[in-house]
């Protein structure tokens, strides 16, 4: 079963929220999602991140419509992550640094220290004003993402038999009023590992594209052209964005948002539905049929099998690689021709 990549293995990925909207930041894709309801997948917009707002370790939003981007012992406060409007940088108070997750709700900032099983509440992360620490309720300790809005805390639980879900409560210490919600598929598609949950796990296989047989008693020379597909079959993944409004800057900068999400999915480990391969040097232009000249001498009563490496998600082959192999037996090659990816994403 594929799972969402947790925050501690997904640098630059985070959730945050304000009173009206929820956000998912994909700094690895240089963009973020804004949605008015994760459960129903309503009003989904994708915007590009301003260069000064990328590569944050944590992202959170406050009820005054400010966004906070934490890097090391500093945080950047902006009113718009797309334009970097109103930006100002502050230092984190030592008592507020080193958290596993950051969020805001009820007029406070909250810092989750999962290994210690506690959370810190403060009015100001620069001065650590009006601060206090509380014990995390056991049911609130194992979230893979945390975020807040004006009147609620939220945390995303690890994948279970009911899929990927998020929980809403008003007290991390007692968890007395927790409610559970499922994510809409359109939201899951945007999460790291989400494509594998919705469409199926990734795979890499060798496909036999041609078999040549010499049934005669003498050697033959086979000199012909074979046709095969090379590139990215983007139509097979076109449904991913059907409920999204993607800003033109995202599309222009990325050359296609879905393409980047697919690339990321293929690069993650099998635990999260990926293949652990780096495909950046493959041909990601639209898949086309190409011809290649083949000239081989085949011995009597022998066969030649021509294999091509193909990557896919679920049941759909989506990336036809340039790698080809010639074998004299019907078993596909066993090696993976693509370089391994670095990191989880």
Protein backbone atom coordinates (compact mmCIF):
# COMPACT_ATOMS: atom_id res chain seq x y z
CA UNK A 1 0.00 0.00 0.00
CA UNK A 2 1.46 3.35 -1.05
CA UNK A 3 1.68 6.11 1.54
CA UNK A 4 2.08 9.88 1.68
CA UNK A 5 5.69 10.94 2.21
CA UNK A 6 5.89 12.38 5.76
CA UNK A 7 7.27 15.84 6.44
CA UNK A 8 10.51 14.56 7.94
CA UNK A 9 11.33 12.90 4.60
CA UNK A 10 9.94 15.62 2.34
CA UNK A 11 12.09 18.79 2.58
CA UNK A 12 10.16 21.93 1.70
CA UNK A 13 6.72 20.28 1.90
CA UNK A 14 4.26 21.49 4.53
CA UNK A 15 0.65 22.35 5.37
CA UNK A 16 -0.68 25.62 6.76
CA UNK A 17 -4.01 27.39 7.02
CA UNK A 18 -5.94 30.55 7.81
CA UNK A 19 -9.61 31.05 8.59
CA UNK A 20 -10.85 30.69 5.00
CA UNK A 21 -8.23 28.63 3.20
CA UNK A 22 -5.97 25.64 3.62
CA UNK A 23 -2.56 25.47 1.94
CA UNK A 24 -0.14 22.76 0.88
CA UNK A 25 3.35 24.02 0.08
CA UNK A 26 5.45 22.04 -2.40
CA UNK A 27 8.73 23.91 -2.33
CA UNK A 28 10.26 21.01 -4.25
CA UNK A 29 7.92 21.98 -7.12
CA UNK A 30 8.21 25.76 -6.50
CA UNK A 31 4.48 26.11 -5.97
CA UNK A 32 1.66 25.79 -3.43
CA UNK A 33 -2.00 24.79 -3.40
CA UNK A 34 -4.77 26.90 -1.91
CA UNK A 35 -8.05 25.13 -1.17
CA UNK A 36 -11.19 26.11 0.72
CA UNK A 37 -12.03 22.53 1.74
CA UNK A 38 -9.61 19.57 1.72
CA UNK A 39 -12.46 17.12 2.27
CA UNK A 40 -14.53 18.26 -0.72
CA UNK A 41 -11.67 19.49 -2.92
CA UNK A 42 -13.31 22.88 -3.38
CA UNK A 43 -11.84 26.00 -4.98
CA UNK A 44 -8.37 24.58 -5.68
CA UNK A 45 -5.81 27.04 -7.02
CA UNK A 46 -2.10 26.46 -7.64
CA UNK A 47 0.31 29.40 -7.41
CA UNK A 48 4.06 29.69 -7.86
CA UNK A 49 6.27 30.37 -4.86
CA UNK A 50 8.34 33.53 -4.94
CA UNK A 51 12.09 32.67 -5.06
CA UNK A 52 12.54 34.18 -1.58
CA UNK A 53 9.87 31.83 -0.22
CA UNK A 54 11.23 28.52 -1.48
CA UNK A 55 13.24 25.93 0.45
CA UNK A 56 11.64 26.68 3.79
CA UNK A 57 11.97 24.04 6.47
CA UNK A 58 8.54 24.89 7.88
CA UNK A 59 5.56 26.90 6.62
CA UNK A 60 2.74 28.24 8.75
CA UNK A 61 0.07 30.90 8.46
CA UNK A 62 -1.40 33.19 11.11
CA UNK A 63 -4.95 34.50 11.43
CA UNK A 64 -3.76 38.01 10.47
CA UNK A 65 -3.11 36.61 6.97
CA UNK A 66 0.66 36.49 7.39
CA UNK A 67 2.71 33.51 6.29
CA UNK A 68 5.81 32.41 8.16
CA UNK A 69 8.70 30.57 6.49
CA UNK A 70 11.24 29.07 8.86
CA UNK A 71 14.84 28.38 7.85
CA UNK A 72 17.30 27.43 10.55
CA UNK A 73 17.10 29.96 13.38
CA UNK A 74 15.22 32.60 11.39
CA UNK A 75 11.77 33.08 9.93
CA UNK A 76 10.47 35.22 7.10
CA UNK A 77 7.02 36.78 7.45
CA UNK A 78 5.15 37.73 4.28
CA UNK A 79 1.59 38.55 3.32
CA UNK A 80 1.79 36.66 0.03
CA UNK A 81 4.03 33.68 -0.79
CA UNK A 82 3.55 34.31 -4.51
CA UNK A 83 4.86 37.90 -4.46
CA UNK A 84 6.88 38.03 -1.19
CA UNK A 85 4.87 41.13 -0.33
CA UNK A 86 5.48 42.72 3.07
CA UNK A 87 8.50 40.56 3.79
CA UNK A 88 10.47 40.94 7.00
CA UNK A 89 12.93 38.54 8.68
CA UNK A 90 13.16 37.79 12.40
CA UNK A 91 15.29 35.47 14.50
CA UNK A 92 13.68 32.54 16.26
CA UNK A 93 13.93 32.62 20.02
CA UNK A 94 16.13 29.70 21.20
CA UNK A 95 13.12 28.22 23.02
CA UNK A 96 11.21 28.14 19.72
CA UNK A 97 13.84 26.53 17.50
CA UNK A 98 14.30 22.89 16.57
CA UNK A 99 10.63 21.97 16.36
CA UNK A 100 9.40 19.07 14.24
CA UNK A 101 6.24 20.94 13.19
CA UNK A 102 4.97 24.53 13.45
CA UNK A 103 1.42 25.87 13.24
CA UNK A 104 -0.80 28.62 14.55
CA UNK A 105 -4.32 28.71 15.99
CA UNK A 106 -6.32 30.62 18.60
CA UNK A 107 -3.97 33.58 18.33
CA UNK A 108 -0.91 31.53 19.31
CA UNK A 109 2.00 29.78 17.63
CA UNK A 110 2.49 26.09 18.39
CA UNK A 111 5.69 24.09 18.10
CA UNK A 112 5.47 20.28 18.11
CA UNK A 113 8.40 18.32 19.57
CA UNK A 114 7.41 14.78 18.71
CA UNK A 115 10.39 12.96 20.23
CA UNK A 116 9.70 14.65 23.58
CA UNK A 117 5.94 14.23 23.25
CA UNK A 118 5.25 17.90 24.00
CA UNK A 119 4.17 21.09 22.27
CA UNK A 120 5.05 24.69 23.08
CA UNK A 121 2.54 27.53 22.85
CA UNK A 122 3.76 31.10 22.48
CA UNK A 123 2.45 34.49 21.43
CA UNK A 124 5.65 35.45 19.61
CA UNK A 125 8.33 33.18 18.14
CA UNK A 126 10.90 35.98 18.21
CA UNK A 127 10.48 36.90 21.90
CA UNK A 128 8.82 33.69 23.20
CA UNK A 129 6.16 35.76 24.95
CA UNK A 130 3.46 34.16 27.10
CA UNK A 131 4.87 30.69 26.46
CA UNK A 132 3.98 27.36 28.02
CA UNK A 133 4.61 23.68 27.28
CA UNK A 134 2.02 20.91 27.34
CA UNK A 135 2.03 17.16 26.90
CA UNK A 136 0.81 15.85 23.56
CA UNK A 137 -2.09 13.44 23.87
CA UNK A 138 -1.01 9.98 22.62
CA UNK A 139 -3.47 10.20 19.70
CA UNK A 140 -1.87 13.48 18.59
CA UNK A 141 1.77 12.37 18.74
CA UNK A 142 2.21 10.50 15.46
CA UNK A 143 1.01 13.08 12.92
CA UNK A 144 3.04 13.33 9.72
CA UNK A 145 1.93 16.96 9.12
CA UNK A 146 0.37 19.55 11.46
CA UNK A 147 -1.40 22.80 10.64
CA UNK A 148 -3.93 25.16 12.14
CA UNK A 149 -6.65 27.69 11.39
CA UNK A 150 -8.19 30.39 13.55
CA UNK A 151 -10.16 28.01 15.78
CA UNK A 152 -8.80 24.51 15.14
CA UNK A 153 -5.70 22.35 15.13
CA UNK A 154 -5.25 19.78 12.38
CA UNK A 155 -2.88 16.88 11.91
CA UNK A 156 -2.46 14.33 9.14
CA UNK A 157 -2.26 10.73 10.32
CA UNK A 158 -0.14 8.00 8.70
CA UNK A 159 -1.91 5.97 6.03
CA UNK A 160 -4.14 3.22 7.46
CA UNK A 161 -6.87 0.88 6.24
CA UNK A 162 -9.10 3.91 5.58
CA UNK A 163 -6.52 5.73 3.50
CA UNK A 164 -4.97 9.15 4.10
CA UNK A 165 -6.99 11.24 6.58
CA UNK A 166 -6.70 14.37 8.69
CA UNK A 167 -7.95 15.11 12.17
CA UNK A 168 -9.39 18.28 13.65
CA UNK A 169 -9.46 19.16 17.33
CA UNK A 170 -9.28 22.12 19.71
CA UNK A 171 -6.88 20.65 22.27
CA UNK A 172 -3.70 18.67 21.58
CA UNK A 173 -3.47 17.86 25.28
CA UNK A 174 -6.80 16.00 25.64
CA UNK A 175 -7.91 15.38 22.03
CA UNK A 176 -11.43 15.17 23.46
CA UNK A 177 -13.28 16.61 20.48
CA UNK A 178 -11.29 15.12 17.59
CA UNK A 179 -13.06 14.71 14.26
CA UNK A 180 -11.81 12.75 11.27
CA UNK A 181 -11.96 13.78 7.60
CA UNK A 182 -10.79 12.19 4.39
CA UNK A 183 -8.86 14.07 1.72
CA UNK A 184 -10.46 14.63 -1.68
CA UNK A 185 -8.57 12.81 -4.49
CA UNK A 186 -7.78 16.15 -6.13
CA UNK A 187 -5.90 17.16 -2.98
CA UNK A 188 -4.17 13.81 -2.58
CA UNK A 189 -2.81 14.08 -6.13
CA UNK A 190 -0.83 17.16 -5.05
CA UNK A 191 0.83 15.48 -2.08
CA UNK A 192 4.19 13.70 -2.39
CA UNK A 193 3.25 10.06 -2.94
CA UNK A 194 -0.36 10.98 -3.71
CA UNK A 195 -0.33 9.85 -7.34
CA UNK A 196 0.49 6.33 -6.22
CA UNK A 197 -2.43 6.33 -3.79
CA UNK A 198 -4.92 7.50 -6.41
CA UNK A 199 -3.54 5.86 -9.55
CA UNK A 200 -1.42 2.98 -8.25
CA UNK A 201 2.24 2.36 -7.50
CA UNK A 202 5.00 3.18 -9.95
CA UNK A 203 6.81 0.53 -11.92
CA UNK A 204 9.72 0.14 -14.29
CA UNK A 205 9.68 -2.75 -16.75
CA UNK A 206 11.37 -3.95 -19.92
CA UNK A 207 8.81 -4.31 -22.72
CA UNK A 208 9.54 -6.49 -25.73
CA UNK A 209 8.93 -4.28 -28.74
CA UNK A 210 10.15 -6.68 -31.45
CA UNK A 211 11.03 -10.35 -31.90
CA UNK A 212 13.15 -11.50 -34.85
CA UNK A 213 13.26 -15.21 -35.75
CA UNK A 214 15.53 -17.16 -38.07
CA UNK A 215 13.79 -20.47 -38.87
CA UNK A 216 16.17 -21.29 -41.69
CA UNK A 217 19.30 -23.46 -41.72
CA UNK A 218 21.63 -20.60 -42.62
CA UNK A 219 22.51 -17.28 -40.98
CA UNK A 220 20.46 -14.27 -42.04
CA UNK A 221 21.16 -10.56 -41.90
CA UNK A 222 18.19 -8.54 -40.73
CA UNK A 223 18.43 -4.90 -41.80
CA UNK A 224 15.24 -2.96 -41.22
CA UNK A 225 13.79 -0.05 -39.31
CA UNK A 226 11.78 -0.56 -36.16
CA UNK A 227 9.30 1.95 -34.78
CA UNK A 228 8.94 2.59 -31.08
CA UNK A 229 7.67 5.32 -28.79
CA UNK A 230 9.99 7.66 -26.85
CA UNK A 231 8.98 10.38 -24.39
CA UNK A 232 6.23 11.28 -21.93
CA UNK A 233 2.65 10.22 -22.61
CA UNK A 234 1.13 13.20 -20.81
CA UNK A 235 -2.44 12.46 -21.91
CA UNK A 236 -2.53 9.42 -19.63
CA UNK A 237 -2.05 11.70 -16.60
CA UNK A 238 -4.13 14.64 -17.84
CA UNK A 239 -6.90 13.95 -15.31
CA UNK A 240 -4.62 14.93 -12.41
CA UNK A 241 -5.20 18.67 -12.92
CA UNK A 242 -8.87 18.53 -13.93
CA UNK A 243 -10.06 20.11 -10.64
CA UNK A 244 -7.17 22.57 -10.33
CA UNK A 245 -6.86 26.15 -11.47
CA UNK A 246 -3.14 26.39 -12.23
CA UNK A 247 -1.65 29.86 -12.58
CA UNK A 248 0.14 30.58 -15.84
CA UNK A 249 3.43 31.23 -14.03
CA UNK A 250 3.42 27.68 -12.62
CA UNK A 251 2.80 26.14 -16.03
CA UNK A 252 5.42 28.28 -17.75
CA UNK A 253 8.11 27.76 -15.13
CA UNK A 254 7.65 24.02 -14.81
CA UNK A 255 6.86 23.06 -18.37
CA UNK A 256 3.86 21.26 -16.93
CA UNK A 257 3.01 20.79 -13.26
CA UNK A 258 1.80 17.22 -13.66
CA UNK A 259 5.08 16.31 -15.32
CA UNK A 260 6.99 17.49 -12.26
CA UNK A 261 4.66 15.62 -9.92
CA UNK A 262 5.12 12.46 -12.00
CA UNK A 263 8.91 12.91 -11.95
CA UNK A 264 8.79 13.29 -8.19
CA UNK A 265 6.60 10.21 -7.82
CA UNK A 266 9.01 8.08 -9.83
CA UNK A 267 11.93 9.29 -7.73
CA UNK A 268 10.55 8.40 -4.29
CA UNK A 269 11.07 5.02 -2.67
CA UNK A 270 8.83 1.99 -3.14
CA UNK A 271 7.41 2.51 0.36
CA UNK A 272 5.66 5.63 -0.97
CA UNK A 273 4.79 4.22 -4.39
CA UNK A 274 7.89 5.25 -6.34
CA UNK A 275 10.77 3.57 -8.19
CA UNK A 276 13.75 5.41 -6.64
CA UNK A 277 14.99 6.53 -10.05
CA UNK A 278 16.21 9.84 -11.45
CA UNK A 279 14.55 10.56 -14.79
CA UNK A 280 15.74 14.14 -15.34
CA UNK A 281 17.93 13.14 -18.30
CA UNK A 282 15.17 11.24 -20.03
CA UNK A 283 13.13 12.72 -22.86
CA UNK A 284 10.16 14.43 -21.17
CA UNK A 285 8.81 15.99 -24.33
CA UNK A 286 5.54 14.59 -25.64
CA UNK A 287 5.86 10.94 -26.60
CA UNK A 288 6.37 10.37 -30.32
CA UNK A 289 7.01 7.42 -32.60
CA UNK A 290 10.57 7.24 -33.85
CA UNK A 291 12.32 4.91 -36.27
CA UNK A 292 15.70 3.27 -35.67
CA UNK A 293 17.72 1.25 -38.13
CA UNK A 294 18.62 -2.24 -36.94
CA UNK A 295 21.27 -4.37 -38.63
CA UNK A 296 21.94 -7.78 -37.07
CA UNK A 297 23.10 -11.20 -38.18
CA UNK A 298 21.03 -14.02 -36.75
CA UNK A 299 22.25 -17.60 -36.57
CA UNK A 300 20.09 -20.55 -37.72
CA UNK A 301 17.12 -21.45 -35.49
CA UNK A 302 17.74 -18.47 -33.24
CA UNK A 303 15.61 -15.57 -32.04
CA UNK A 304 16.44 -12.00 -31.12
CA UNK A 305 14.35 -10.06 -28.60
CA UNK A 306 14.44 -6.25 -28.57
CA UNK A 307 13.47 -4.68 -25.24
CA UNK A 308 12.69 -1.09 -24.26
CA UNK A 309 12.59 0.27 -20.70
CA UNK A 310 9.26 1.84 -19.73
CA UNK A 311 8.10 3.58 -16.53
CA UNK A 312 4.50 3.76 -15.44
CA UNK A 313 2.09 4.53 -12.62
CA UNK A 314 -0.70 2.10 -11.78
CA UNK A 315 -1.70 0.44 -15.04
CA UNK A 316 -0.52 3.27 -17.30
CA UNK A 317 2.83 3.34 -19.07
CA UNK A 318 3.78 7.02 -19.12
CA UNK A 319 7.51 7.40 -19.82
CA UNK A 320 9.12 5.53 -22.71
CA UNK A 321 12.85 5.61 -22.08
CA UNK A 322 15.66 5.63 -24.62
CA UNK A 323 17.27 2.52 -23.16
CA UNK A 324 17.03 -0.58 -25.37
CA UNK A 325 18.47 -4.07 -25.01
CA UNK A 326 19.03 -6.94 -27.46
CA UNK A 327 18.75 -10.43 -25.97
CA UNK A 328 18.82 -13.94 -27.42
CA UNK A 329 16.40 -15.34 -24.83
CA UNK A 330 12.77 -14.47 -23.97
CA UNK A 331 13.45 -13.34 -20.40
CA UNK A 332 13.53 -9.55 -19.94
CA UNK A 333 16.74 -7.88 -18.72
CA UNK A 334 17.04 -7.63 -14.95
CA UNK A 335 19.05 -4.44 -14.50
CA UNK A 336 17.58 -0.99 -13.93
CA UNK A 337 19.15 1.31 -16.55
CA UNK A 338 18.30 4.57 -14.81
CA UNK A 339 20.43 6.22 -12.11
CA UNK A 340 19.10 6.10 -8.53
CA UNK A 341 17.41 9.17 -7.13
CA UNK A 342 19.00 11.08 -4.29
CA UNK A 343 16.84 11.44 -1.21
CA UNK A 344 13.18 10.51 -0.75
CA UNK A 345 11.67 13.10 -3.09
